[in-house]
N, C-alpha and C. Protein backbone atom coordinates (compact mmCIF):
# COMPACT_ATOMS: atom_id res chain seq x y z
N MET A 1 -15.39 -40.60 -29.23
CA MET A 1 -14.43 -40.17 -28.26
C MET A 1 -13.30 -39.42 -28.97
N ILE A 2 -13.02 -38.21 -28.46
CA ILE A 2 -11.98 -37.39 -29.08
C ILE A 2 -10.69 -37.54 -28.27
N VAL A 3 -9.64 -37.89 -28.97
CA VAL A 3 -8.35 -38.06 -28.32
C VAL A 3 -7.44 -36.93 -28.79
N GLN A 4 -6.91 -36.18 -27.82
CA GLN A 4 -6.01 -35.10 -28.18
C GLN A 4 -4.58 -35.61 -28.25
N LYS A 5 -3.83 -35.01 -29.14
CA LYS A 5 -2.43 -35.36 -29.25
C LYS A 5 -1.66 -34.68 -28.13
N PRO A 6 -0.60 -35.29 -27.64
CA PRO A 6 0.20 -34.67 -26.56
C PRO A 6 0.80 -33.33 -26.97
N THR A 7 1.05 -33.14 -28.25
CA THR A 7 1.64 -31.88 -28.69
C THR A 7 0.68 -30.71 -28.50
N SER A 8 -0.62 -30.97 -28.53
CA SER A 8 -1.57 -29.87 -28.34
C SER A 8 -1.53 -29.36 -26.89
N ASP A 9 -1.23 -30.25 -25.93
CA ASP A 9 -1.07 -29.82 -24.54
C ASP A 9 0.13 -28.90 -24.40
N PHE A 10 1.24 -29.28 -25.01
CA PHE A 10 2.44 -28.45 -24.94
C PHE A 10 2.24 -27.13 -25.67
N LEU A 11 1.46 -27.16 -26.74
CA LEU A 11 1.18 -25.93 -27.48
C LEU A 11 0.37 -24.97 -26.61
N ALA A 12 -0.59 -25.47 -25.86
CA ALA A 12 -1.38 -24.62 -24.97
C ALA A 12 -0.50 -24.02 -23.87
N ILE A 13 0.39 -24.81 -23.30
CA ILE A 13 1.30 -24.30 -22.26
C ILE A 13 2.22 -23.25 -22.84
N ALA A 14 2.75 -23.49 -24.02
CA ALA A 14 3.63 -22.51 -24.67
C ALA A 14 2.88 -21.22 -24.96
N LEU A 15 1.62 -21.34 -25.39
CA LEU A 15 0.81 -20.15 -25.68
C LEU A 15 0.58 -19.33 -24.41
N TYR A 16 0.27 -19.98 -23.30
CA TYR A 16 0.10 -19.27 -22.03
C TYR A 16 1.41 -18.62 -21.58
N LEU A 17 2.52 -19.30 -21.77
CA LEU A 17 3.81 -18.75 -21.40
C LEU A 17 4.13 -17.50 -22.23
N VAL A 18 3.91 -17.56 -23.52
CA VAL A 18 4.16 -16.41 -24.39
C VAL A 18 3.21 -15.26 -24.04
N ALA A 19 1.96 -15.55 -23.78
CA ALA A 19 1.01 -14.50 -23.41
C ALA A 19 1.39 -13.86 -22.08
N GLY A 20 1.81 -14.66 -21.11
CA GLY A 20 2.23 -14.12 -19.83
C GLY A 20 3.45 -13.23 -19.95
N LEU A 21 4.42 -13.67 -20.72
CA LEU A 21 5.60 -12.84 -20.95
C LEU A 21 5.25 -11.56 -21.69
N ALA A 22 4.34 -11.65 -22.64
CA ALA A 22 3.93 -10.45 -23.37
C ALA A 22 3.25 -9.45 -22.44
N PHE A 23 2.38 -9.94 -21.55
CA PHE A 23 1.72 -9.03 -20.61
C PHE A 23 2.71 -8.40 -19.64
N ALA A 24 3.84 -9.05 -19.39
CA ALA A 24 4.82 -8.50 -18.47
C ALA A 24 5.82 -7.57 -19.17
N VAL A 25 6.23 -7.91 -20.37
CA VAL A 25 7.31 -7.19 -21.04
C VAL A 25 6.81 -6.03 -21.89
N VAL A 26 5.69 -6.20 -22.58
CA VAL A 26 5.21 -5.16 -23.50
C VAL A 26 4.93 -3.83 -22.80
N PRO A 27 4.28 -3.78 -21.63
CA PRO A 27 4.08 -2.48 -20.98
C PRO A 27 5.39 -1.79 -20.59
N VAL A 28 6.40 -2.55 -20.20
CA VAL A 28 7.68 -1.96 -19.84
C VAL A 28 8.34 -1.33 -21.07
N ILE A 29 8.30 -2.05 -22.18
CA ILE A 29 8.89 -1.53 -23.41
C ILE A 29 8.13 -0.30 -23.89
N LEU A 30 6.80 -0.35 -23.85
CA LEU A 30 6.00 0.80 -24.27
C LEU A 30 6.27 2.03 -23.40
N SER A 31 6.42 1.85 -22.11
CA SER A 31 6.69 2.99 -21.24
C SER A 31 8.06 3.59 -21.53
N LYS A 32 9.03 2.78 -21.87
CA LYS A 32 10.35 3.30 -22.22
C LYS A 32 10.30 4.09 -23.54
N LEU A 33 9.46 3.67 -24.45
CA LEU A 33 9.37 4.34 -25.74
C LEU A 33 8.53 5.62 -25.70
N ILE A 34 7.48 5.64 -24.89
CA ILE A 34 6.53 6.74 -24.91
C ILE A 34 6.90 7.88 -23.96
N VAL A 35 7.36 7.55 -22.77
CA VAL A 35 7.56 8.56 -21.73
C VAL A 35 8.77 9.42 -22.05
N LYS A 36 8.57 10.74 -21.89
CA LYS A 36 9.66 11.69 -22.06
C LYS A 36 10.42 11.77 -20.74
N ARG A 37 11.70 11.54 -20.78
CA ARG A 37 12.52 11.57 -19.59
C ARG A 37 13.03 12.99 -19.35
N GLY A 38 12.70 13.52 -18.17
CA GLY A 38 13.18 14.85 -17.80
C GLY A 38 14.57 14.78 -17.20
N GLN A 39 15.32 15.84 -17.34
CA GLN A 39 16.66 15.92 -16.79
C GLN A 39 16.73 17.15 -15.90
N GLY A 40 17.62 17.14 -14.96
CA GLY A 40 17.84 18.31 -14.14
C GLY A 40 17.70 18.02 -12.66
N ALA A 41 17.82 19.10 -11.87
CA ALA A 41 17.81 18.97 -10.42
C ALA A 41 16.44 18.59 -9.89
N GLN A 42 15.38 19.03 -10.53
CA GLN A 42 14.03 18.74 -10.04
C GLN A 42 13.73 17.25 -10.10
N ARG A 43 14.31 16.55 -11.04
CA ARG A 43 14.07 15.11 -11.15
C ARG A 43 14.68 14.36 -9.97
N GLU A 44 15.78 14.84 -9.46
CA GLU A 44 16.47 14.18 -8.35
C GLU A 44 15.92 14.58 -7.00
N ALA A 45 15.01 15.56 -6.95
CA ALA A 45 14.49 16.04 -5.67
C ALA A 45 13.52 15.04 -5.06
N THR A 46 13.44 15.04 -3.73
CA THR A 46 12.52 14.17 -3.02
C THR A 46 11.10 14.68 -3.19
N TYR A 47 10.17 13.79 -3.49
CA TYR A 47 8.77 14.16 -3.67
C TYR A 47 7.96 13.66 -2.50
N GLU A 48 7.27 14.57 -1.81
CA GLU A 48 6.45 14.20 -0.67
C GLU A 48 5.08 14.82 -0.82
N SER A 49 4.22 14.18 -1.56
CA SER A 49 2.82 14.60 -1.73
C SER A 49 2.69 16.02 -2.26
N GLY A 50 3.60 16.45 -3.08
CA GLY A 50 3.50 17.76 -3.69
C GLY A 50 3.99 18.90 -2.82
N MET A 51 4.45 18.61 -1.62
CA MET A 51 4.92 19.66 -0.71
C MET A 51 6.45 19.69 -0.71
N GLU A 52 6.99 20.86 -0.47
CA GLU A 52 8.43 20.99 -0.38
C GLU A 52 8.93 20.28 0.88
N THR A 53 10.01 19.56 0.76
CA THR A 53 10.55 18.86 1.91
C THR A 53 11.37 19.81 2.77
N ILE A 54 11.38 19.52 4.05
CA ILE A 54 12.17 20.31 4.99
C ILE A 54 13.26 19.41 5.54
N GLY A 55 14.48 19.73 5.30
CA GLY A 55 15.59 18.93 5.80
C GLY A 55 15.81 17.70 4.94
N SER A 56 16.53 16.77 5.52
CA SER A 56 16.86 15.54 4.80
C SER A 56 15.68 14.57 4.85
N ALA A 57 15.50 13.84 3.79
CA ALA A 57 14.42 12.85 3.74
C ALA A 57 14.86 11.52 4.33
N TRP A 58 16.13 11.38 4.67
CA TRP A 58 16.64 10.13 5.19
C TRP A 58 16.52 10.13 6.71
N MET A 59 15.74 9.20 7.23
CA MET A 59 15.57 9.04 8.67
C MET A 59 15.72 7.57 9.00
N GLN A 60 16.29 7.29 10.15
CA GLN A 60 16.39 5.91 10.60
C GLN A 60 15.31 5.65 11.64
N PHE A 61 14.65 4.53 11.52
CA PHE A 61 13.63 4.11 12.46
C PHE A 61 14.15 2.94 13.28
N THR A 62 13.59 2.79 14.46
CA THR A 62 13.98 1.64 15.26
C THR A 62 13.38 0.37 14.66
N VAL A 63 13.95 -0.75 15.02
CA VAL A 63 13.49 -2.03 14.51
C VAL A 63 12.07 -2.33 14.96
N ALA A 64 11.66 -1.76 16.10
CA ALA A 64 10.33 -2.03 16.63
C ALA A 64 9.24 -1.61 15.64
N TYR A 65 9.45 -0.54 14.91
CA TYR A 65 8.45 -0.11 13.93
C TYR A 65 8.27 -1.15 12.84
N TYR A 66 9.36 -1.72 12.38
CA TYR A 66 9.28 -2.71 11.32
C TYR A 66 8.64 -4.01 11.81
N ILE A 67 8.97 -4.41 13.03
CA ILE A 67 8.36 -5.62 13.58
C ILE A 67 6.87 -5.42 13.78
N TYR A 68 6.50 -4.23 14.25
CA TYR A 68 5.08 -3.92 14.41
C TYR A 68 4.36 -3.98 13.06
N ALA A 69 4.99 -3.47 12.02
CA ALA A 69 4.40 -3.52 10.68
C ALA A 69 4.27 -4.95 10.19
N LEU A 70 5.26 -5.79 10.46
CA LEU A 70 5.19 -7.19 10.04
C LEU A 70 4.09 -7.94 10.78
N ILE A 71 3.91 -7.64 12.06
CA ILE A 71 2.84 -8.29 12.81
C ILE A 71 1.49 -7.86 12.26
N PHE A 72 1.34 -6.57 11.95
CA PHE A 72 0.10 -6.10 11.35
C PHE A 72 -0.16 -6.80 10.02
N LEU A 73 0.85 -6.91 9.20
CA LEU A 73 0.69 -7.56 7.91
C LEU A 73 0.30 -9.02 8.07
N ALA A 74 0.90 -9.70 9.03
CA ALA A 74 0.57 -11.11 9.24
C ALA A 74 -0.89 -11.26 9.65
N PHE A 75 -1.37 -10.42 10.57
CA PHE A 75 -2.77 -10.53 10.98
C PHE A 75 -3.71 -10.08 9.88
N ASP A 76 -3.29 -9.12 9.08
CA ASP A 76 -4.12 -8.67 7.97
C ASP A 76 -4.32 -9.79 6.96
N VAL A 77 -3.27 -10.51 6.65
CA VAL A 77 -3.38 -11.63 5.71
C VAL A 77 -4.18 -12.77 6.32
N ASP A 78 -4.00 -13.01 7.61
CA ASP A 78 -4.73 -14.10 8.26
C ASP A 78 -6.22 -13.85 8.31
N VAL A 79 -6.63 -12.61 8.38
CA VAL A 79 -8.06 -12.29 8.34
C VAL A 79 -8.64 -12.71 6.99
N LEU A 80 -7.84 -12.62 5.94
CA LEU A 80 -8.31 -13.07 4.62
C LEU A 80 -8.60 -14.56 4.62
N TYR A 81 -7.89 -15.33 5.45
CA TYR A 81 -8.17 -16.76 5.54
C TYR A 81 -9.44 -17.04 6.34
N LEU A 82 -9.81 -16.11 7.20
CA LEU A 82 -11.00 -16.34 8.02
C LEU A 82 -12.31 -16.10 7.26
N PHE A 83 -12.30 -15.24 6.26
CA PHE A 83 -13.51 -14.97 5.50
C PHE A 83 -14.06 -16.21 4.79
N PRO A 84 -13.24 -16.97 4.06
CA PRO A 84 -13.79 -18.18 3.43
C PRO A 84 -14.30 -19.20 4.44
N VAL A 85 -13.65 -19.28 5.60
CA VAL A 85 -14.10 -20.23 6.61
C VAL A 85 -15.50 -19.85 7.09
N GLY A 86 -15.73 -18.56 7.24
CA GLY A 86 -17.05 -18.11 7.69
C GLY A 86 -18.16 -18.38 6.68
N THR A 87 -17.82 -18.47 5.43
CA THR A 87 -18.85 -18.69 4.41
C THR A 87 -19.18 -20.16 4.20
N VAL A 88 -18.33 -21.08 4.65
CA VAL A 88 -18.57 -22.49 4.37
C VAL A 88 -18.95 -23.29 5.61
N TYR A 89 -19.41 -22.61 6.66
CA TYR A 89 -19.90 -23.37 7.81
C TYR A 89 -21.02 -24.28 7.36
N GLY A 90 -20.92 -25.50 7.73
CA GLY A 90 -21.93 -26.47 7.31
C GLY A 90 -22.60 -27.10 8.51
N SER A 91 -22.80 -28.39 8.45
CA SER A 91 -23.47 -29.10 9.54
C SER A 91 -22.54 -29.31 10.73
N TYR A 92 -21.23 -29.07 10.55
CA TYR A 92 -20.27 -29.23 11.64
C TYR A 92 -19.83 -27.86 12.16
N ALA A 93 -20.79 -27.01 12.48
CA ALA A 93 -20.49 -25.63 12.86
C ALA A 93 -19.66 -25.55 14.13
N VAL A 94 -19.90 -26.41 15.09
CA VAL A 94 -19.14 -26.37 16.34
C VAL A 94 -17.68 -26.74 16.09
N ARG A 95 -17.45 -27.78 15.29
CA ARG A 95 -16.09 -28.18 14.97
C ARG A 95 -15.36 -27.08 14.22
N ASP A 96 -16.05 -26.44 13.27
CA ASP A 96 -15.45 -25.36 12.50
C ASP A 96 -15.13 -24.17 13.40
N LEU A 97 -16.00 -23.87 14.35
CA LEU A 97 -15.76 -22.78 15.28
C LEU A 97 -14.54 -23.08 16.14
N VAL A 98 -14.39 -24.31 16.58
CA VAL A 98 -13.23 -24.69 17.38
C VAL A 98 -11.95 -24.55 16.55
N GLU A 99 -11.99 -24.94 15.29
CA GLU A 99 -10.82 -24.80 14.43
C GLU A 99 -10.43 -23.34 14.26
N VAL A 100 -11.41 -22.47 14.08
CA VAL A 100 -11.12 -21.04 13.95
C VAL A 100 -10.55 -20.50 15.25
N LEU A 101 -11.09 -20.92 16.38
CA LEU A 101 -10.58 -20.45 17.67
C LEU A 101 -9.15 -20.92 17.90
N VAL A 102 -8.82 -22.14 17.48
CA VAL A 102 -7.44 -22.62 17.59
C VAL A 102 -6.52 -21.78 16.70
N PHE A 103 -6.98 -21.49 15.50
CA PHE A 103 -6.19 -20.67 14.56
C PHE A 103 -5.93 -19.29 15.14
N VAL A 104 -6.96 -18.64 15.65
CA VAL A 104 -6.81 -17.31 16.24
C VAL A 104 -5.99 -17.39 17.52
N GLY A 105 -6.11 -18.47 18.26
CA GLY A 105 -5.32 -18.65 19.47
C GLY A 105 -3.83 -18.74 19.18
N ILE A 106 -3.48 -19.46 18.13
CA ILE A 106 -2.07 -19.55 17.75
C ILE A 106 -1.55 -18.18 17.33
N LEU A 107 -2.36 -17.42 16.60
CA LEU A 107 -1.96 -16.07 16.22
C LEU A 107 -1.81 -15.18 17.45
N SER A 108 -2.67 -15.37 18.43
CA SER A 108 -2.59 -14.58 19.66
C SER A 108 -1.31 -14.89 20.42
N LEU A 109 -0.84 -16.10 20.32
CA LEU A 109 0.44 -16.44 20.95
C LEU A 109 1.58 -15.63 20.33
N ALA A 110 1.49 -15.35 19.05
CA ALA A 110 2.51 -14.51 18.41
C ALA A 110 2.49 -13.10 18.99
N ILE A 111 1.29 -12.57 19.26
CA ILE A 111 1.18 -11.24 19.86
C ILE A 111 1.75 -11.26 21.28
N VAL A 112 1.43 -12.28 22.04
CA VAL A 112 1.95 -12.39 23.41
C VAL A 112 3.48 -12.49 23.38
N TYR A 113 4.02 -13.25 22.45
CA TYR A 113 5.47 -13.36 22.32
C TYR A 113 6.10 -12.01 22.01
N ALA A 114 5.53 -11.28 21.05
CA ALA A 114 6.06 -9.97 20.70
C ALA A 114 5.94 -9.00 21.88
N TRP A 115 4.86 -9.10 22.60
CA TRP A 115 4.66 -8.23 23.76
C TRP A 115 5.71 -8.51 24.83
N ARG A 116 5.99 -9.80 25.08
CA ARG A 116 6.98 -10.16 26.08
C ARG A 116 8.39 -9.75 25.67
N LYS A 117 8.64 -9.71 24.36
CA LYS A 117 9.94 -9.29 23.86
C LYS A 117 10.10 -7.77 23.89
N GLY A 118 9.01 -7.02 24.15
CA GLY A 118 9.10 -5.57 24.23
C GLY A 118 8.94 -4.86 22.91
N VAL A 119 8.34 -5.51 21.93
CA VAL A 119 8.17 -4.89 20.62
C VAL A 119 7.24 -3.68 20.70
N PHE A 120 6.26 -3.72 21.57
CA PHE A 120 5.25 -2.67 21.61
C PHE A 120 5.64 -1.50 22.50
N GLU A 121 6.86 -1.47 23.00
CA GLU A 121 7.33 -0.34 23.78
C GLU A 121 8.03 0.62 22.82
N TRP A 122 7.51 1.83 22.68
CA TRP A 122 7.99 2.75 21.66
C TRP A 122 9.09 3.67 22.16
N THR A 123 9.40 3.65 23.41
CA THR A 123 10.44 4.52 23.92
C THR A 123 11.81 3.89 23.69
N ARG A 124 12.81 4.73 23.54
CA ARG A 124 14.16 4.21 23.34
C ARG A 124 14.75 3.75 24.65
N ARG A 125 15.53 2.71 24.60
CA ARG A 125 16.13 2.17 25.80
C ARG A 125 17.52 2.71 25.98
């Protein structure tokens, strides 16, 4: 039976911590050393897919756009939770299906709430 010393556990944690910090800090330092920094008016200009901008790039959007984006993001992430559930259906398929339907039902309540609050109306009031 092999017994490890407690210090070897701390050494492994310290090694992972140093490696993680190195993976985070070294690319930033290398980019600062390697990249040539340009100066002038072109550096401060707004870049829009290689096309010249027309007018000011600053626009204000209504809050409804942001709420709509957040709802999309929430459902997009929740779909990621549904994929593993679909792969592990076992002998309790009916119970698992009911659980998924409850999950989707709760999410649907969020859509109904947003709809009742008028989030999906794009016209200005």
